[in-house]
């Protein structure tokens, strides 16, 4: 995997999901434009409530991602016991 340097923002996270998980040709820019595209196997991405996970680039994309087989699941607020990284 390529290493990222610099700021990690919502656009970068969404593009990572689209490119590396959904395997969309064209990344996030092609989301919604590819009629009939479907992942070989559906998957669920678990997200905490970080502000970048709820930022503008993600708005309205949840349904588009679900249509291609990528479901976003948000952990409940104030539940660090459900997020393993919080224990580290």
C-alpha atoms as a PDB file:
ATOM      1  CA  UNK A   1       0.000   0.000   0.000  1.00  0.00           C
ATOM      2  CA  UNK A   2       1.170   3.504  -0.711  1.00  0.00           C
ATOM      3  CA  UNK A   3       2.113   5.593   2.279  1.00  0.00           C
ATOM      4  CA  UNK A   4       0.335   8.868   2.785  1.00  0.00           C
ATOM      5  CA  UNK A   5       2.074  11.960   3.971  1.00  0.00           C
ATOM      6  CA  UNK A   6       0.305  15.064   5.099  1.00  0.00           C
ATOM      7  CA  UNK A   7      -3.167  15.754   6.319  1.00  0.00           C
ATOM      8  CA  UNK A   8      -5.742  12.962   6.506  1.00  0.00           C
ATOM      9  CA  UNK A   9      -9.159  14.425   5.786  1.00  0.00           C
ATOM     10  CA  UNK A  10     -12.622  13.151   4.832  1.00  0.00           C
ATOM     11  CA  UNK A  11     -11.892  13.289   1.096  1.00  0.00           C
ATOM     12  CA  UNK A  12      -8.783  11.139   1.526  1.00  0.00           C
ATOM     13  CA  UNK A  13     -10.654   8.594   3.685  1.00  0.00           C
ATOM     14  CA  UNK A  14     -13.566   8.414   1.220  1.00  0.00           C
ATOM     15  CA  UNK A  15     -11.170   8.000  -1.705  1.00  0.00           C
ATOM     16  CA  UNK A  16      -9.360   5.219   0.185  1.00  0.00           C
ATOM     17  CA  UNK A  17     -12.671   3.430   0.782  1.00  0.00           C
ATOM     18  CA  UNK A  18     -13.672   3.778  -2.868  1.00  0.00           C
ATOM     19  CA  UNK A  19     -10.285   2.856  -4.334  1.00  0.00           C
ATOM     20  CA  UNK A  20      -8.914   0.192  -2.008  1.00  0.00           C
ATOM     21  CA  UNK A  21     -12.027  -1.353  -0.500  1.00  0.00           C
ATOM     22  CA  UNK A  22     -14.762  -0.925  -3.092  1.00  0.00           C
ATOM     23  CA  UNK A  23     -12.181  -1.188  -5.919  1.00  0.00           C
ATOM     24  CA  UNK A  24     -14.002   1.469  -7.908  1.00  0.00           C
ATOM     25  CA  UNK A  25     -12.199   2.359 -11.091  1.00  0.00           C
ATOM     26  CA  UNK A  26     -11.644   6.091 -10.710  1.00  0.00           C
ATOM     27  CA  UNK A  27     -11.994   6.138  -6.902  1.00  0.00           C
ATOM     28  CA  UNK A  28     -14.431   8.460  -5.162  1.00  0.00           C
ATOM     29  CA  UNK A  29     -14.853  10.577  -8.298  1.00  0.00           C
ATOM     30  CA  UNK A  30     -16.638   7.696 -10.014  1.00  0.00           C
ATOM     31  CA  UNK A  31     -18.955   6.901  -7.094  1.00  0.00           C
ATOM     32  CA  UNK A  32     -22.511   6.925  -8.365  1.00  0.00           C
ATOM     33  CA  UNK A  33     -21.423   7.226 -11.999  1.00  0.00           C
ATOM     34  CA  UNK A  34     -20.833   3.526 -12.613  1.00  0.00           C
ATOM     35  CA  UNK A  35     -24.176   1.969 -13.363  1.00  0.00           C
ATOM     36  CA  UNK A  36     -24.417  -1.646 -12.234  1.00  0.00           C
ATOM     37  CA  UNK A  37     -20.976  -1.821 -10.577  1.00  0.00           C
ATOM     38  CA  UNK A  38     -20.976  -4.233  -7.618  1.00  0.00           C
ATOM     39  CA  UNK A  39     -18.230  -5.547  -5.338  1.00  0.00           C
ATOM     40  CA  UNK A  40     -17.565  -9.258  -5.642  1.00  0.00           C
ATOM     41  CA  UNK A  41     -18.255  -9.647  -1.917  1.00  0.00           C
ATOM     42  CA  UNK A  42     -20.187  -7.166   0.216  1.00  0.00           C
ATOM     43  CA  UNK A  43     -18.336  -5.645   3.184  1.00  0.00           C
ATOM     44  CA  UNK A  44     -19.032  -3.481   6.204  1.00  0.00           C
ATOM     45  CA  UNK A  45     -16.673  -0.725   7.344  1.00  0.00           C
ATOM     46  CA  UNK A  46     -16.891   0.160  11.036  1.00  0.00           C
ATOM     47  CA  UNK A  47     -16.271   3.845  11.723  1.00  0.00           C
ATOM     48  CA  UNK A  48     -16.057   5.746  14.965  1.00  0.00           C
ATOM     49  CA  UNK A  49     -17.543   9.203  15.275  1.00  0.00           C
ATOM     50  CA  UNK A  50     -14.466  11.144  14.232  1.00  0.00           C
ATOM     51  CA  UNK A  51     -15.437  14.375  12.523  1.00  0.00           C
ATOM     52  CA  UNK A  52     -13.881  13.287   9.210  1.00  0.00           C
ATOM     53  CA  UNK A  53     -16.247  10.285   9.108  1.00  0.00           C
ATOM     54  CA  UNK A  54     -19.259  12.638   9.217  1.00  0.00           C
ATOM     55  CA  UNK A  55     -17.840  15.459   7.086  1.00  0.00           C
ATOM     56  CA  UNK A  56     -19.372  16.778   3.865  1.00  0.00           C
ATOM     57  CA  UNK A  57     -17.647  14.310   1.479  1.00  0.00           C
ATOM     58  CA  UNK A  58     -19.443  11.439   3.255  1.00  0.00           C
ATOM     59  CA  UNK A  59     -22.884  13.119   3.169  1.00  0.00           C
ATOM     60  CA  UNK A  60     -25.195  11.250   0.805  1.00  0.00           C
ATOM     61  CA  UNK A  61     -22.484   8.731  -0.058  1.00  0.00           C
ATOM     62  CA  UNK A  62     -23.687   6.100   2.401  1.00  0.00           C
ATOM     63  CA  UNK A  63     -26.480   4.993   0.050  1.00  0.00           C
ATOM     64  CA  UNK A  64     -24.219   5.079  -3.011  1.00  0.00           C
ATOM     65  CA  UNK A  65     -21.660   2.910  -1.227  1.00  0.00           C
ATOM     66  CA  UNK A  66     -24.380   0.494  -0.061  1.00  0.00           C
ATOM     67  CA  UNK A  67     -25.567   0.140  -3.666  1.00  0.00           C
ATOM     68  CA  UNK A  68     -22.154  -1.224  -4.674  1.00  0.00           C
ATOM     69  CA  UNK A  69     -21.801  -3.509  -1.642  1.00  0.00           C
ATOM     70  CA  UNK A  70     -19.950  -1.349   0.890  1.00  0.00           C
ATOM     71  CA  UNK A  71     -21.898  -0.619   4.069  1.00  0.00           C
ATOM     72  CA  UNK A  72     -20.791   2.029   6.573  1.00  0.00           C
ATOM     73  CA  UNK A  73     -21.533   1.199  10.206  1.00  0.00           C
ATOM     74  CA  UNK A  74     -21.007   3.927  12.786  1.00  0.00           C
ATOM     75  CA  UNK A  75     -20.223   3.021  16.390  1.00  0.00           C
ATOM     76  CA  UNK A  76     -22.532   4.613  18.947  1.00  0.00           C
ATOM     77  CA  UNK A  77     -21.267   7.894  20.424  1.00  0.00           C
ATOM     78  CA  UNK A  78     -19.295   7.729  23.651  1.00  0.00           C
ATOM     79  CA  UNK A  79     -18.568   3.994  23.419  1.00  0.00           C
ATOM     80  CA  UNK A  80     -14.772   3.652  23.507  1.00  0.00           C
ATOM     81  CA  UNK A  81     -15.105   0.043  24.727  1.00  0.00           C
ATOM     82  CA  UNK A  82     -16.340  -0.892  21.224  1.00  0.00           C
ATOM     83  CA  UNK A  83     -13.333   0.683  19.488  1.00  0.00           C
ATOM     84  CA  UNK A  84     -10.256  -1.475  20.087  1.00  0.00           C
ATOM     85  CA  UNK A  85      -7.793   1.314  19.272  1.00  0.00           C
ATOM     86  CA  UNK A  86      -9.060   3.307  22.265  1.00  0.00           C
ATOM     87  CA  UNK A  87      -7.509   0.729  24.612  1.00  0.00           C
ATOM     88  CA  UNK A  88      -4.006   1.193  23.143  1.00  0.00           C
END
